[in-house]
């Protein structure tokens, strides 16, 4: 079977897009250039803010998401992956606009969590306010009988501040400390793992930073994309 070409619907933000691309490269068994997969990236940072739209405070990103997906299909992609958790709120409508499959990062993360921590009952979610509001993680994890625990309301605002700081290029120790504090509060509530459920968060919070396993949806998506493409 010929290898499939992966399309990355990116730009939300650009660094999260690089992070996914890098994880695909690092997770691909390769000894030379030709062993790597062909990847088409449309990094479109002009897609309106997903959280602002979900909260009714900003422009609807759907048209831009659909247009970018169509671009990838036209350019020759055989499947699409989206390194933005909040954008998955629109996934079925984006899928309607193209004839190639879009991998669902949230669904794949739920499956991977079940494999990685088989007896898990409670998982903590660090994400954008848009992702919390849509409860996309809650819905997918419920199928595996895993309860998703979110931070308190004021801490959700703090997570959002961290996300926007990372988008602005601030990967300082102070920003990391802020996210670690919130992660610790979730651990105190009894979560057995933490999802870095916004693609900016794995840029500052890594496996080993906290006492429970970190589930990185970007890494999960990279792994699944490689399997599907090969």
Protein backbone atom coordinates (compact mmCIF):
# COMPACT_ATOMS: atom_id res chain seq x y z
CA UNK A 1 0.00 0.00 0.00
CA UNK A 2 1.35 3.45 -0.87
CA UNK A 3 1.98 5.80 2.03
CA UNK A 4 -0.61 8.47 2.65
CA UNK A 5 0.15 12.19 2.64
CA UNK A 6 -0.68 13.93 5.92
CA UNK A 7 -2.25 17.39 5.86
CA UNK A 8 -1.84 19.58 8.94
CA UNK A 9 -4.55 22.21 9.40
CA UNK A 10 -2.42 24.51 11.51
CA UNK A 11 -1.67 28.03 12.62
CA UNK A 12 -3.73 27.81 15.83
CA UNK A 13 -1.07 28.75 17.02
CA UNK A 14 1.96 28.43 14.77
CA UNK A 15 4.20 27.02 17.55
CA UNK A 16 1.67 24.28 18.31
CA UNK A 17 1.78 23.43 14.59
CA UNK A 18 5.58 23.14 14.65
CA UNK A 19 5.29 21.02 17.81
CA UNK A 20 3.00 18.51 16.06
CA UNK A 21 5.20 18.43 12.93
CA UNK A 22 8.29 17.89 15.11
CA UNK A 23 6.59 15.09 17.06
CA UNK A 24 5.68 13.32 13.80
CA UNK A 25 9.30 13.55 12.63
CA UNK A 26 10.63 12.33 15.99
CA UNK A 27 8.13 9.44 16.17
CA UNK A 28 8.74 8.19 12.61
CA UNK A 29 11.23 5.32 12.37
CA UNK A 30 13.62 6.67 9.73
CA UNK A 31 17.25 6.29 8.76
CA UNK A 32 17.21 8.74 5.86
CA UNK A 33 15.08 11.58 4.46
CA UNK A 34 13.17 9.22 2.19
CA UNK A 35 11.92 7.16 5.16
CA UNK A 36 9.90 10.13 6.44
CA UNK A 37 6.30 10.83 5.52
CA UNK A 38 5.20 13.51 3.12
CA UNK A 39 3.43 16.27 5.02
CA UNK A 40 1.57 19.31 3.74
CA UNK A 41 1.11 22.11 6.28
CA UNK A 42 -1.30 25.00 5.90
CA UNK A 43 -0.43 27.19 8.87
CA UNK A 44 -3.29 29.67 8.85
CA UNK A 45 -3.02 31.96 11.89
CA UNK A 46 -5.78 34.14 10.38
CA UNK A 47 -8.43 31.63 11.53
CA UNK A 48 -10.50 33.58 14.10
CA UNK A 49 -10.04 32.76 17.82
CA UNK A 50 -12.02 29.58 18.57
CA UNK A 51 -12.59 30.31 22.27
CA UNK A 52 -13.81 33.86 21.60
CA UNK A 53 -16.29 32.48 19.05
CA UNK A 54 -17.59 29.75 21.38
CA UNK A 55 -18.10 32.38 24.11
CA UNK A 56 -20.05 34.52 21.61
CA UNK A 57 -17.41 37.28 21.68
CA UNK A 58 -15.72 36.79 18.33
CA UNK A 59 -15.98 35.93 14.67
CA UNK A 60 -17.04 32.40 13.67
CA UNK A 61 -13.93 30.41 12.60
CA UNK A 62 -15.85 27.70 10.72
CA UNK A 63 -15.55 29.12 7.19
CA UNK A 64 -11.79 29.66 7.61
CA UNK A 65 -11.38 26.14 9.03
CA UNK A 66 -13.32 24.63 6.11
CA UNK A 67 -11.39 26.66 3.51
CA UNK A 68 -8.05 25.60 5.03
CA UNK A 69 -9.15 21.94 5.04
CA UNK A 70 -10.17 22.25 1.35
CA UNK A 71 -6.74 23.75 0.57
CA UNK A 72 -5.05 20.69 2.07
CA UNK A 73 -7.28 18.33 0.09
CA UNK A 74 -6.56 20.25 -3.12
CA UNK A 75 -2.84 20.17 -2.38
CA UNK A 76 -2.93 16.35 -2.26
CA UNK A 77 -3.39 15.41 1.41
CA UNK A 78 -4.98 11.99 2.05
CA UNK A 79 -5.92 12.73 5.67
CA UNK A 80 -6.06 15.79 7.91
CA UNK A 81 -4.95 16.41 11.49
CA UNK A 82 -5.67 19.55 13.51
CA UNK A 83 -3.27 20.68 16.25
CA UNK A 84 -5.92 22.72 18.09
CA UNK A 85 -8.17 21.18 20.71
CA UNK A 86 -10.84 23.89 20.66
CA UNK A 87 -11.17 23.63 16.87
CA UNK A 88 -12.41 20.04 17.39
CA UNK A 89 -15.73 21.57 18.46
CA UNK A 90 -16.22 22.17 14.70
CA UNK A 91 -14.78 18.86 13.47
CA UNK A 92 -17.96 17.33 12.02
CA UNK A 93 -18.69 20.51 10.03
CA UNK A 94 -15.09 20.68 8.78
CA UNK A 95 -15.37 17.00 7.80
CA UNK A 96 -18.51 17.78 5.75
CA UNK A 97 -16.49 20.19 3.59
CA UNK A 98 -13.85 17.63 2.46
CA UNK A 99 -13.78 14.07 1.08
CA UNK A 100 -10.69 12.94 3.03
CA UNK A 101 -10.81 11.78 6.66
CA UNK A 102 -10.00 14.09 9.57
CA UNK A 103 -8.52 12.30 12.59
CA UNK A 104 -10.20 13.24 15.86
CA UNK A 105 -7.48 14.12 18.36
CA UNK A 106 -9.86 14.08 21.35
CA UNK A 107 -11.24 10.63 20.54
CA UNK A 108 -7.74 9.23 19.96
CA UNK A 109 -6.57 10.74 23.28
CA UNK A 110 -9.39 8.97 25.15
CA UNK A 111 -8.39 5.62 23.56
CA UNK A 112 -4.70 6.20 24.33
CA UNK A 113 -5.43 7.15 27.96
CA UNK A 114 -7.31 3.89 28.46
CA UNK A 115 -4.25 2.02 27.15
CA UNK A 116 -1.65 4.02 29.08
CA UNK A 117 -3.49 4.09 32.45
CA UNK A 118 -5.90 1.09 32.20
CA UNK A 119 -7.63 1.41 35.60
CA UNK A 120 -8.08 5.19 35.42
CA UNK A 121 -11.31 6.67 36.76
CA UNK A 122 -10.52 10.41 37.00
CA UNK A 123 -8.44 12.63 34.74
CA UNK A 124 -7.62 16.34 35.05
CA UNK A 125 -8.02 18.66 32.07
CA UNK A 126 -5.90 21.73 31.39
CA UNK A 127 -7.48 23.48 28.41
CA UNK A 128 -8.88 26.68 26.94
CA UNK A 129 -12.16 28.07 28.23
CA UNK A 130 -13.66 27.21 24.81
CA UNK A 131 -12.70 23.55 25.27
CA UNK A 132 -14.12 23.49 28.83
CA UNK A 133 -17.37 25.10 27.65
CA UNK A 134 -17.96 22.63 24.81
CA UNK A 135 -17.11 19.64 27.06
CA UNK A 136 -15.63 17.76 24.07
CA UNK A 137 -13.24 15.90 26.36
CA UNK A 138 -16.00 15.01 28.83
CA UNK A 139 -18.11 13.48 26.03
CA UNK A 140 -15.33 11.31 24.58
CA UNK A 141 -13.91 10.16 27.92
CA UNK A 142 -17.37 9.27 29.23
CA UNK A 143 -17.45 6.43 26.65
CA UNK A 144 -14.52 4.88 28.58
CA UNK A 145 -16.10 5.60 31.99
CA UNK A 146 -13.41 8.16 32.78
CA UNK A 147 -14.52 11.30 34.61
CA UNK A 148 -12.91 14.53 33.41
CA UNK A 149 -12.16 17.00 36.21
CA UNK A 150 -11.79 20.69 35.33
CA UNK A 151 -10.14 23.38 37.47
CA UNK A 152 -12.22 25.91 39.47
CA UNK A 153 -13.62 28.85 37.47
CA UNK A 154 -10.90 31.31 38.54
CA UNK A 155 -8.21 28.75 37.72
CA UNK A 156 -9.69 28.27 34.22
CA UNK A 157 -9.00 32.00 33.69
CA UNK A 158 -5.42 31.41 34.85
CA UNK A 159 -4.99 28.51 32.38
CA UNK A 160 -6.25 30.84 29.64
CA UNK A 161 -3.66 33.46 30.64
CA UNK A 162 -0.94 30.79 30.38
CA UNK A 163 -2.19 29.76 26.92
CA UNK A 164 -2.12 33.33 25.63
CA UNK A 165 1.32 33.89 27.21
CA UNK A 166 2.69 30.83 25.34
CA UNK A 167 1.02 32.05 22.11
CA UNK A 168 2.92 35.32 22.65
CA UNK A 169 6.18 33.36 22.92
CA UNK A 170 6.54 33.50 26.71
CA UNK A 171 7.87 30.10 27.85
CA UNK A 172 9.31 31.47 31.10
CA UNK A 173 9.66 29.69 34.44
CA UNK A 174 6.93 31.95 35.84
CA UNK A 175 4.41 30.82 33.22
CA UNK A 176 5.37 27.21 33.89
CA UNK A 177 4.96 27.72 37.67
CA UNK A 178 1.43 29.06 37.10
CA UNK A 179 0.34 25.98 35.16
CA UNK A 180 2.06 23.64 37.66
CA UNK A 181 0.07 25.21 40.51
CA UNK A 182 -3.22 24.46 38.76
CA UNK A 183 -2.08 20.95 37.83
CA UNK A 184 -1.26 20.31 41.50
CA UNK A 185 -4.75 21.42 42.57
CA UNK A 186 -6.22 18.84 40.16
CA UNK A 187 -3.91 16.15 41.58
CA UNK A 188 -5.12 17.12 45.08
CA UNK A 189 -8.66 16.43 43.83
CA UNK A 190 -7.62 12.85 43.08
CA UNK A 191 -6.96 12.83 39.34
CA UNK A 192 -4.74 9.96 38.17
CA UNK A 193 -3.40 11.69 35.06
CA UNK A 194 -3.51 15.12 33.42
CA UNK A 195 -4.42 15.99 29.83
CA UNK A 196 -2.51 18.91 28.34
CA UNK A 197 -5.69 19.71 26.44
CA UNK A 198 -4.60 22.84 24.62
CA UNK A 199 -1.81 22.49 22.07
CA UNK A 200 0.13 25.35 23.71
CA UNK A 201 0.34 23.58 27.10
CA UNK A 202 2.70 20.70 26.12
CA UNK A 203 5.20 23.41 25.12
CA UNK A 204 5.68 24.13 28.85
CA UNK A 205 4.31 21.13 30.77
CA UNK A 206 6.08 17.83 30.16
CA UNK A 207 6.00 14.25 31.45
CA UNK A 208 7.84 14.17 34.79
CA UNK A 209 6.88 17.73 35.80
CA UNK A 210 4.07 16.41 38.02
CA UNK A 211 3.51 13.25 40.09
CA UNK A 212 0.94 11.71 37.70
CA UNK A 213 1.24 10.77 34.00
CA UNK A 214 0.81 13.56 31.45
CA UNK A 215 -1.36 12.73 28.46
CA UNK A 216 -0.28 14.91 25.54
CA UNK A 217 -2.95 14.91 22.79
CA UNK A 218 -0.46 16.34 20.27
CA UNK A 219 1.83 13.34 20.81
CA UNK A 220 -1.14 10.96 20.54
CA UNK A 221 -2.20 12.61 17.28
CA UNK A 222 1.33 12.37 15.86
CA UNK A 223 1.48 8.65 16.66
CA UNK A 224 -1.94 7.86 15.17
CA UNK A 225 -1.27 9.96 12.07
CA UNK A 226 1.94 7.99 11.42
CA UNK A 227 0.09 4.66 11.82
CA UNK A 228 -2.69 5.75 9.42
CA UNK A 229 -0.25 7.14 6.86
CA UNK A 230 2.00 4.07 6.81
